[in-house]
Amino acid sequence: MNIVIIGNGIAGITAARYIRKHSDHSITVVSPETEYFYSRPALMYVYMGHLKFEHTKPYEDWFWKKNRIDVVHDYALTVNHKEKKVLLQSGNILGYDKLIMATGSQMNKFGWKGQDLAGVQGLYSKQDLDLMERNTRNISRGIVVGGGLIGIEVAEMLHSRNIPVTMLVRESSYWNSILPAEESAMITRHIRHQGIELRLETELKEILSDSNGRVRGVRTSKGDEITTEFVALTAGVRPNIDLAQKSSIPTNRGILVNSYFETQIDDIYAVGDCAEIVVTGEGRNQIEQLWYTGEMHGETVASSICKERTEYNRGILFNSAKFFDIEYHTYGSVNQNTVGEKSIYWEHPDRRRSIRIVYNNNQVIGFNNLGVRYRHKICEQWIAEKRSIEYVLEHLSEANFDPEFFMKFEPEVIALYNKKNGKSLTLTKTRGLFGYKKFLSTLPASI
């Protein structure tokens, strides 16, 4: 069987790796971005001087040939799904038996005047990184438009080179569409503490041009004009469906797929950021644009192609990020404001660390930590087992990432819960590293 994968991001490459693991099928991966797979989240550290680009590649360049995965550095122009052929920009044509589209995302643009000026860009690809390197030389200030995870990355990148940064965020507090109010307030304070000029409830109105077609400034929704030579548009990303649309593969916001990642065209699949999973009866389909869900998409579609038709099951939601030096970890359901949802929220006096445990009907459904690292496997296990809030609090030390070396805040969390609820809970005996390993041995292999 001849399998062609368009896109060499985490979803496409995971599909290729697992297809090879399960079979001897012919595999060809096509990408115009880079010849070999790299870690997209690591791009910022190349700009900051912490890594060289070659350090972002999880596999040596010889890995692909050794594992009989052909890599083609080219641009896919169209897919002829009647003849099962992919036309490349080079003029070459690839035939396929199965096609996996993993075309990723592209930055959002909202029709701003001046959005296509020189010095205005997003940050998604290796080409974007190279462009940012050129665009930020000898600039006096950078403007970051948008208040999400990409925006904070760009702000940190510029800050690492002592470039003054202004962030324009339409919300009243940073990332408050995702973070609960207390955590959002903490991150808002922390960004400003770094010296970033954070303008809340402020939107981009217009990007101003100089006489050479380069950006010279921006005008905000409040009428202010800010001088700048660089504007980063980081107001989210959208599925890259250009190839699918040109090839008459049905799309909506993304490439429409069922829960098996099958498109409406026989033998064509879509995975990763570009896929829009049709969810019957929920009123809104599902687009997942996280690194770990991309891995799961790739593994699932490989199983369907090589073994048996496999339905996707994301399981318990997980995500992590960094806001400068504050780590963020979230597990399960947080800030959904569902009926009956409650939480216990503890914040350290330094206002840089917090723990939130969310529960409903006495069952723990989520964790949200800033500056405190908990073990993913244990938090996920407690949620899956529908453990009670009091059980989790009494065993909270088991989630501490490494009790021997990390500060312990569990007694303070329990004391707060006891005070609010008139209880007298206490921690069970704290487990050391050996005890944690023993605990892990009792967990089901599927977790």
Protein backbone atom coordinates (compact mmCIF):
# COMPACT_ATOMS: atom_id res chain seq x y z
CA MET A 1 0.00 0.00 0.00
CA ASN A 2 1.22 3.49 -0.89
CA ILE A 3 0.49 6.12 1.77
CA VAL A 4 1.09 9.84 1.21
CA ILE A 5 1.06 12.28 4.15
CA ILE A 6 0.83 16.01 3.41
CA GLY A 7 2.38 17.90 6.33
CA ASN A 8 5.31 17.04 8.57
CA GLY A 9 4.08 18.45 11.88
CA ILE A 10 3.41 16.37 14.96
CA ALA A 11 0.20 14.77 13.62
CA GLY A 12 1.59 13.81 10.22
CA ILE A 13 4.90 12.53 11.56
CA THR A 14 3.26 10.53 14.34
CA ALA A 15 1.04 8.92 11.70
CA ALA A 16 4.14 8.07 9.64
CA ARG A 17 5.99 6.60 12.61
CA TYR A 18 3.08 4.41 13.71
CA ILE A 19 2.31 3.26 10.17
CA ARG A 20 5.91 2.11 9.93
CA LYS A 21 5.65 0.47 13.35
CA HIS A 22 2.55 -1.46 12.25
CA SER A 23 3.41 -2.24 8.62
CA ASP A 24 5.79 -2.28 5.66
CA HIS A 25 3.63 0.08 3.60
CA SER A 26 5.30 2.70 1.42
CA ILE A 27 5.25 6.08 3.23
CA THR A 28 5.89 9.50 1.67
CA VAL A 29 5.74 12.72 3.71
CA VAL A 30 5.41 15.99 1.79
CA SER A 31 6.07 19.42 3.32
CA PRO A 32 7.11 22.80 1.91
CA GLU A 33 8.23 24.10 5.31
CA THR A 34 11.30 22.07 6.25
CA GLU A 35 12.75 18.82 4.99
CA TYR A 36 12.66 17.18 8.41
CA PHE A 37 10.31 17.26 11.36
CA TYR A 38 11.08 19.67 14.20
CA SER A 39 9.43 20.65 17.48
CA ARG A 40 7.30 23.70 16.75
CA PRO A 41 7.02 24.78 20.44
CA ALA A 42 10.83 25.01 20.57
CA LEU A 43 11.13 27.73 17.91
CA MET A 44 11.07 30.50 20.51
CA TYR A 45 14.17 29.10 22.19
CA VAL A 46 16.11 29.28 18.93
CA TYR A 47 15.38 33.02 18.72
CA MET A 48 16.29 33.45 22.38
CA GLY A 49 19.65 31.74 21.86
CA HIS A 50 18.94 28.75 24.09
CA LEU A 51 18.96 26.25 21.20
CA LYS A 52 20.23 25.92 17.67
CA PHE A 53 17.62 24.92 15.11
CA GLU A 54 19.12 21.46 14.70
CA HIS A 55 18.46 20.89 18.41
CA THR A 56 14.70 21.19 17.77
CA LYS A 57 14.66 18.04 15.61
CA PRO A 58 13.63 15.03 17.75
CA TYR A 59 15.18 12.60 15.24
CA GLU A 60 18.52 12.57 13.47
CA ASP A 61 18.34 13.21 9.73
CA TRP A 62 19.29 9.59 9.00
CA PHE A 63 16.24 8.34 10.93
CA TRP A 64 13.88 8.78 7.99
CA LYS A 65 15.89 6.79 5.46
CA LYS A 66 16.63 4.06 8.00
CA ASN A 67 12.90 3.70 8.70
CA ARG A 68 11.99 3.86 5.00
CA ILE A 69 9.98 7.05 5.28
CA ASP A 70 10.49 9.15 2.14
CA VAL A 71 10.53 12.89 2.81
CA VAL A 72 9.74 15.29 -0.03
CA HIS A 73 10.48 18.99 0.48
CA ASP A 74 7.83 20.35 -1.88
CA TYR A 75 4.45 22.09 -1.97
CA ALA A 76 1.27 20.15 -2.70
CA LEU A 77 -0.81 22.12 -5.21
CA THR A 78 -3.89 19.94 -5.65
CA VAL A 79 -5.25 16.49 -4.92
CA ASN A 80 -7.01 14.59 -7.71
CA HIS A 81 -9.00 12.21 -5.55
CA LYS A 82 -10.63 10.51 -8.53
CA GLU A 83 -7.26 9.41 -9.89
CA LYS A 84 -5.65 9.30 -6.41
CA LYS A 85 -2.80 11.63 -7.32
CA VAL A 86 -1.14 14.63 -5.65
CA LEU A 87 0.33 17.33 -7.90
CA LEU A 88 3.42 19.04 -6.46
CA GLN A 89 4.79 22.50 -7.23
CA SER A 90 7.89 20.90 -8.74
CA GLY A 91 5.68 19.23 -11.35
CA ASN A 92 6.09 15.80 -9.81
CA ILE A 93 3.00 13.68 -9.21
CA LEU A 94 2.58 11.28 -6.30
CA GLY A 95 0.09 8.44 -6.50
CA TYR A 96 -1.51 7.13 -3.34
CA ASP A 97 -3.75 4.40 -1.99
CA LYS A 98 -4.37 6.31 1.24
CA LEU A 99 -3.86 10.04 1.74
CA ILE A 100 -3.48 11.76 5.13
CA MET A 101 -3.86 15.53 5.19
CA ALA A 102 -1.99 17.11 8.10
CA THR A 103 -1.71 20.66 6.80
CA GLY A 104 -1.75 22.37 10.19
CA SER A 105 -2.81 25.94 10.97
CA GLN A 106 -2.26 29.46 9.75
CA MET A 107 -2.50 32.76 11.59
CA ASN A 108 -5.75 34.66 11.84
CA LYS A 109 -6.09 37.94 9.99
CA PHE A 110 -9.14 40.12 10.48
CA GLY A 111 -8.87 42.54 7.58
CA TRP A 112 -6.85 45.17 9.42
CA LYS A 113 -5.63 47.98 7.22
CA GLY A 114 -1.89 47.47 6.80
CA GLN A 115 -1.86 43.81 7.86
CA ASP A 116 0.26 42.83 4.84
CA LEU A 117 2.94 45.50 5.29
CA ALA A 118 6.59 44.54 5.60
CA GLY A 119 7.42 44.07 9.28
CA VAL A 120 4.01 42.54 10.06
CA GLN A 121 3.85 38.78 10.59
CA GLY A 122 2.70 35.84 12.67
CA LEU A 123 4.73 33.09 14.31
CA TYR A 124 3.88 29.54 13.31
CA SER A 125 6.52 28.10 10.98
CA LYS A 126 10.29 27.95 10.57
CA GLN A 127 9.91 30.54 7.81
CA ASP A 128 8.11 32.81 10.30
CA LEU A 129 11.03 32.42 12.72
CA ASP A 130 13.54 33.36 10.01
CA LEU A 131 11.39 36.34 9.01
CA MET A 132 11.12 37.49 12.63
CA GLU A 133 14.91 37.33 12.91
CA ARG A 134 15.18 39.74 10.00
CA ASN A 135 12.23 41.94 10.97
CA THR A 136 13.39 42.61 14.53
CA ARG A 137 16.93 43.78 13.86
CA ASN A 138 17.57 47.26 15.27
CA ILE A 139 13.93 47.98 16.07
CA SER A 140 12.89 50.37 18.82
CA ARG A 141 9.70 48.54 19.89
CA GLY A 142 7.61 45.49 19.06
CA ILE A 143 3.82 45.33 19.12
CA VAL A 144 2.11 42.01 19.91
CA VAL A 145 -1.56 41.79 18.95
CA GLY A 146 -3.49 39.13 20.87
CA GLY A 147 -3.49 37.62 24.33
CA GLY A 148 -2.96 33.89 23.95
CA LEU A 149 -0.07 31.47 24.23
CA ILE A 150 1.61 32.51 20.98
CA GLY A 151 1.38 36.15 22.00
CA ILE A 152 3.15 35.57 25.29
CA GLU A 153 5.85 33.56 23.49
CA VAL A 154 6.55 36.41 21.07
CA ALA A 155 6.61 38.91 23.94
CA GLU A 156 9.16 36.78 25.79
CA MET A 157 11.25 36.38 22.63
CA LEU A 158 11.46 40.14 22.09
CA HIS A 159 12.02 40.77 25.80
CA SER A 160 15.00 38.38 25.75
CA ARG A 161 16.73 40.80 23.36
CA ASN A 162 15.84 43.85 25.44
CA ILE A 163 13.35 45.06 22.85
CA PRO A 164 10.51 47.05 24.48
CA VAL A 165 7.17 45.30 23.98
CA THR A 166 3.58 46.53 23.92
CA MET A 167 0.80 43.94 23.96
CA LEU A 168 -2.70 44.82 22.74
CA VAL A 169 -5.30 42.54 24.36
CA ARG A 170 -9.02 43.03 23.92
CA GLU A 171 -9.96 41.17 27.13
CA SER A 172 -10.10 42.84 30.54
CA SER A 173 -7.54 40.38 31.95
CA TYR A 174 -4.95 38.17 30.27
CA TRP A 175 -6.33 34.97 28.67
CA ASN A 176 -9.45 35.16 30.80
CA SER A 177 -11.40 33.17 28.22
CA ILE A 178 -9.40 30.13 29.39
CA LEU A 179 -8.02 30.94 32.84
CA PRO A 180 -10.26 31.47 35.88
CA ALA A 181 -10.30 35.05 37.18
CA GLU A 182 -7.67 34.58 39.91
CA GLU A 183 -5.15 32.86 37.63
CA SER A 184 -5.75 35.39 34.88
CA ALA A 185 -5.09 38.22 37.34
CA MET A 186 -1.86 36.52 38.44
CA ILE A 187 -0.58 36.21 34.88
CA THR A 188 -1.61 39.79 34.10
CA ARG A 189 0.47 41.01 37.07
CA HIS A 190 3.39 38.79 36.10
CA ILE A 191 3.52 40.02 32.51
CA ARG A 192 3.62 43.62 33.69
CA HIS A 193 6.23 42.75 36.30
CA GLN A 194 8.53 41.66 33.44
CA GLY A 195 8.38 45.19 32.08
CA ILE A 196 5.92 44.43 29.28
CA GLU A 197 3.46 47.21 28.50
CA LEU A 198 0.17 45.30 28.61
CA ARG A 199 -2.78 47.32 27.30
CA LEU A 200 -6.01 45.55 28.21
CA GLU A 201 -9.40 46.19 26.60
CA THR A 202 -7.48 47.56 23.65
CA GLU A 203 -7.72 46.32 20.07
CA LEU A 204 -5.74 46.94 16.92
CA LYS A 205 -7.50 49.42 14.67
CA GLU A 206 -4.97 50.05 11.91
CA ILE A 207 -1.33 49.35 11.02
CA LEU A 208 0.40 52.46 9.70
CA SER A 209 2.80 52.49 6.77
CA ASP A 210 5.89 54.50 6.00
CA SER A 211 6.77 55.66 2.48
CA ASN A 212 8.55 52.37 1.73
CA GLY A 213 5.67 50.05 2.53
CA ARG A 214 6.98 49.07 5.95
CA VAL A 215 5.17 49.36 9.24
CA ARG A 216 5.87 52.58 11.15
CA GLY A 217 3.21 52.32 13.86
CA VAL A 218 -0.24 51.19 14.90
CA ARG A 219 -3.45 52.93 15.87
CA THR A 220 -5.50 51.34 18.65
CA SER A 221 -9.23 51.17 19.30
CA LYS A 222 -8.73 53.87 21.92
CA GLY A 223 -7.27 56.26 19.36
CA ASP A 224 -3.66 56.00 20.54
CA GLU A 225 -0.84 55.86 18.00
CA ILE A 226 2.21 53.76 18.92
CA THR A 227 5.46 53.93 16.97
CA THR A 228 6.89 50.55 16.02
CA GLU A 229 8.82 48.76 13.28
CA PHE A 230 7.45 45.30 14.05
CA VAL A 231 3.94 43.93 14.59
CA ALA A 232 3.24 40.31 15.54
CA LEU A 233 -0.30 39.17 14.76
CA THR A 234 -1.00 36.48 17.35
CA ALA A 235 -4.79 36.62 17.65
CA GLY A 236 -5.13 32.87 17.29
CA VAL A 237 -4.78 30.45 14.40
CA ARG A 238 -7.23 28.73 12.08
CA PRO A 239 -7.08 25.39 10.26
CA ASN A 240 -5.11 25.51 7.00
CA ILE A 241 -7.71 24.24 4.55
CA ASP A 242 -6.39 25.88 1.36
CA LEU A 243 -5.33 22.59 -0.27
CA ALA A 244 -8.56 20.86 0.70
CA GLN A 245 -10.66 23.66 -0.76
CA LYS A 246 -8.70 23.68 -4.02
CA SER A 247 -9.15 19.90 -4.18
CA SER A 248 -12.93 19.86 -3.51
CA ILE A 249 -12.52 18.04 -0.21
CA PRO A 250 -15.44 19.15 2.03
CA THR A 251 -14.53 21.76 4.64
CA ASN A 252 -16.17 24.03 7.17
CA ARG A 253 -13.82 25.79 9.60
CA GLY A 254 -11.51 22.81 9.11
CA ILE A 255 -11.41 19.70 6.93
CA LEU A 256 -14.54 17.80 7.90
CA VAL A 257 -13.87 14.34 9.35
CA ASN A 258 -15.74 11.79 11.41
CA SER A 259 -14.45 10.30 14.66
CA TYR A 260 -12.18 8.00 12.62
CA PHE A 261 -10.55 11.00 10.88
CA GLU A 262 -12.12 9.95 7.59
CA THR A 263 -13.07 12.81 5.27
CA GLN A 264 -16.08 12.61 2.99
CA ILE A 265 -13.78 11.40 0.19
CA ASP A 266 -12.84 7.72 0.18
CA ASP A 267 -9.29 6.92 1.33
CA ILE A 268 -8.54 10.50 2.41
CA TYR A 269 -8.03 11.31 6.09
CA ALA A 270 -7.30 14.57 7.93
CA VAL A 271 -5.54 14.90 11.30
CA GLY A 272 -4.09 17.56 13.57
CA ASP A 273 -4.81 21.28 13.53
CA CYS A 274 -6.54 21.18 10.13
CA ALA A 275 -9.16 18.56 11.07
CA GLU A 276 -12.68 19.47 12.18
CA ILE A 277 -14.27 16.49 13.90
CA VAL A 278 -18.02 16.36 13.34
CA VAL A 279 -19.73 15.89 16.71
CA THR A 280 -23.33 14.81 16.25
CA GLY A 281 -25.86 16.43 18.55
CA GLU A 282 -23.52 18.89 20.30
CA GLY A 283 -24.14 21.86 18.03
CA ARG A 284 -20.46 22.60 17.46
CA ASN A 285 -17.76 20.46 15.91
CA GLN A 286 -14.39 19.87 17.51
CA ILE A 287 -11.08 21.40 16.39
CA GLU A 288 -8.09 20.35 18.49
CA GLN A 289 -4.89 22.36 18.11
CA LEU A 290 -2.68 21.00 20.87
CA TRP A 291 0.62 19.16 20.51
CA TYR A 292 -0.49 16.08 22.41
CA THR A 293 -3.82 15.79 20.58
CA GLY A 294 -1.90 15.93 17.29
CA GLU A 295 0.07 12.91 18.49
CA MET A 296 -3.14 11.09 19.36
CA HIS A 297 -4.67 11.89 15.97
CA GLY A 298 -1.64 10.48 14.18
CA GLU A 299 -1.55 7.31 16.25
CA THR A 300 -5.30 6.74 15.80
CA VAL A 301 -5.30 7.14 12.01
CA ALA A 302 -2.26 4.85 11.70
CA SER A 303 -4.12 2.17 13.63
CA SER A 304 -7.15 2.53 11.35
CA ILE A 305 -5.07 2.20 8.20
CA CYS A 306 -2.82 -0.63 9.35
CA LYS A 307 -4.82 -2.63 11.87
CA GLU A 308 -8.54 -2.10 12.37
CA ARG A 309 -10.79 0.92 12.04
CA THR A 310 -10.15 2.84 15.27
CA GLU A 311 -12.39 5.51 16.76
CA TYR A 312 -10.70 8.52 18.31
CA ASN A 313 -10.95 9.00 22.06
CA ARG A 314 -9.11 12.04 23.37
CA GLY A 315 -9.62 11.08 26.99
CA ILE A 316 -9.00 13.61 29.74
CA LEU A 317 -7.92 17.05 28.55
CA PHE A 318 -4.37 18.14 29.33
CA ASN A 319 -2.36 21.21 28.43
CA SER A 320 0.77 22.98 29.61
CA ALA A 321 2.57 26.21 28.81
CA LYS A 322 4.83 28.87 30.33
CA PHE A 323 4.16 32.52 31.04
CA PHE A 324 7.76 33.68 31.18
CA ASP A 325 9.01 31.68 34.19
CA ILE A 326 5.61 30.58 35.55
CA GLU A 327 4.69 27.06 34.49
CA TYR A 328 1.05 26.31 33.68
CA HIS A 329 -0.49 22.83 33.86
CA THR A 330 -4.14 21.95 33.49
CA TYR A 331 -5.89 18.59 33.63
CA GLY A 332 -9.53 17.77 33.03
CA SER A 333 -12.37 20.28 33.13
CA VAL A 334 -11.59 23.75 34.50
CA ASN A 335 -13.47 27.04 34.21
CA GLN A 336 -16.40 25.53 32.32
CA ASN A 337 -18.93 27.15 34.67
CA THR A 338 -21.19 24.11 34.59
CA VAL A 339 -24.08 23.72 37.04
CA GLY A 340 -22.77 22.53 40.40
CA GLU A 341 -19.10 23.24 39.62
CA LYS A 342 -17.02 24.23 42.67
CA SER A 343 -13.32 24.63 43.31
CA ILE A 344 -10.79 25.06 46.07
CA TYR A 345 -8.26 27.73 45.11
CA TRP A 346 -5.02 28.35 46.97
CA GLU A 347 -2.52 31.07 46.12
CA HIS A 348 0.96 31.45 47.58
CA PRO A 349 1.73 34.75 49.36
CA ASP A 350 4.33 35.50 46.66
CA ARG A 351 1.39 35.65 44.19
CA ARG A 352 3.32 33.57 41.65
CA ARG A 353 2.05 30.09 42.51
CA SER A 354 -1.43 28.64 42.77
CA ILE A 355 -3.35 25.37 42.96
CA ARG A 356 -6.97 24.94 41.91
CA ILE A 357 -8.91 21.69 42.28
CA VAL A 358 -12.30 21.65 40.57
CA TYR A 359 -15.09 19.31 41.60
CA ASN A 360 -18.75 18.68 40.88
CA ASN A 361 -21.13 16.52 42.92
CA ASN A 362 -18.15 15.93 45.22
CA GLN A 363 -16.14 14.33 42.38
CA VAL A 364 -12.87 15.91 41.23
CA ILE A 365 -13.06 16.89 37.56
CA GLY A 366 -10.02 19.12 37.05
CA PHE A 367 -6.75 20.66 38.24
CA ASN A 368 -5.27 24.04 37.32
CA ASN A 369 -1.76 24.84 38.59
CA LEU A 370 0.50 27.83 38.11
CA GLY A 371 4.10 27.60 39.30
CA VAL A 372 3.41 24.23 40.97
CA ARG A 373 4.00 20.99 39.11
CA TYR A 374 1.77 17.98 39.72
CA ARG A 375 2.12 14.52 38.24
CA HIS A 376 0.03 14.16 35.09
CA LYS A 377 -0.56 10.44 35.54
CA ILE A 378 -1.89 10.74 39.09
CA CYS A 379 -4.17 13.72 38.38
CA GLU A 380 -5.57 11.92 35.35
CA GLN A 381 -6.07 8.75 37.39
CA TRP A 382 -8.03 10.57 40.09
CA ILE A 383 -10.28 12.22 37.50
CA ALA A 384 -10.85 8.93 35.66
CA GLU A 385 -11.70 7.15 38.91
CA LYS A 386 -14.07 9.97 39.91
CA ARG A 387 -12.33 10.36 43.24
CA SER A 388 -14.00 12.58 45.81
CA ILE A 389 -12.55 15.98 46.65
CA GLU A 390 -11.79 14.83 50.18
CA TYR A 391 -9.97 11.70 49.00
CA VAL A 392 -7.86 13.80 46.63
CA LEU A 393 -7.02 16.35 49.32
CA GLU A 394 -5.99 13.65 51.78
CA HIS A 395 -3.72 12.06 49.14
CA LEU A 396 -2.58 15.29 47.49
CA SER A 397 1.08 14.76 48.37
CA GLU A 398 1.11 11.83 45.92
CA ALA A 399 0.66 14.32 43.08
CA ASN A 400 3.66 16.44 44.13
CA PHE A 401 6.14 16.17 41.26
CA ASP A 402 9.03 15.20 43.50
CA PRO A 403 8.37 15.57 47.22
CA GLU A 404 12.08 15.23 48.06
CA PHE A 405 13.07 18.26 45.99
CA PHE A 406 9.98 20.43 45.50
CA MET A 407 8.28 22.60 48.09
CA LYS A 408 5.11 21.12 49.51
CA PHE A 409 1.97 23.24 49.68
CA GLU A 410 -0.56 20.47 50.25
CA PRO A 411 -1.04 21.16 54.00
CA GLU A 412 -1.96 24.75 53.20
CA VAL A 413 -4.47 23.65 50.56
CA ILE A 414 -6.10 21.25 53.02
CA ALA A 415 -6.16 23.89 55.77
CA LEU A 416 -7.94 26.26 53.40
CA TYR A 417 -10.54 23.62 52.51
CA ASN A 418 -11.07 22.72 56.18
CA LYS A 419 -11.58 26.36 57.12
CA LYS A 420 -14.14 26.95 54.38
CA ASN A 421 -16.05 23.72 54.92
CA GLY A 422 -15.76 23.07 58.65
CA LYS A 423 -13.77 19.87 58.09
CA SER A 424 -10.70 18.37 59.75
CA LEU A 425 -9.00 16.54 56.88
CA THR A 426 -5.33 15.60 57.17
CA LEU A 427 -2.75 14.37 54.69
CA THR A 428 -1.97 10.69 54.50
CA LYS A 429 1.70 9.82 54.96
CA THR A 430 3.79 11.68 52.40
CA ARG A 431 5.22 9.40 49.76
CA GLY A 432 8.82 9.74 48.68
CA LEU A 433 10.10 8.88 45.22
CA PHE A 434 10.19 5.16 46.00
CA GLY A 435 6.64 5.26 47.26
CA TYR A 436 5.52 7.07 44.13
CA LYS A 437 7.07 4.41 41.89
CA LYS A 438 5.32 1.74 43.93
CA PHE A 439 2.05 3.65 43.55
CA LEU A 440 2.52 3.84 39.78
CA SER A 441 2.87 0.06 39.61
CA THR A 442 -0.74 -0.24 40.78
CA LEU A 443 -2.15 1.90 37.96
CA PRO A 444 -3.85 0.31 34.93
CA ALA A 445 -1.63 0.08 31.87
CA SER A 446 -4.13 2.11 29.81
CA ILE A 447 -3.64 5.26 31.88
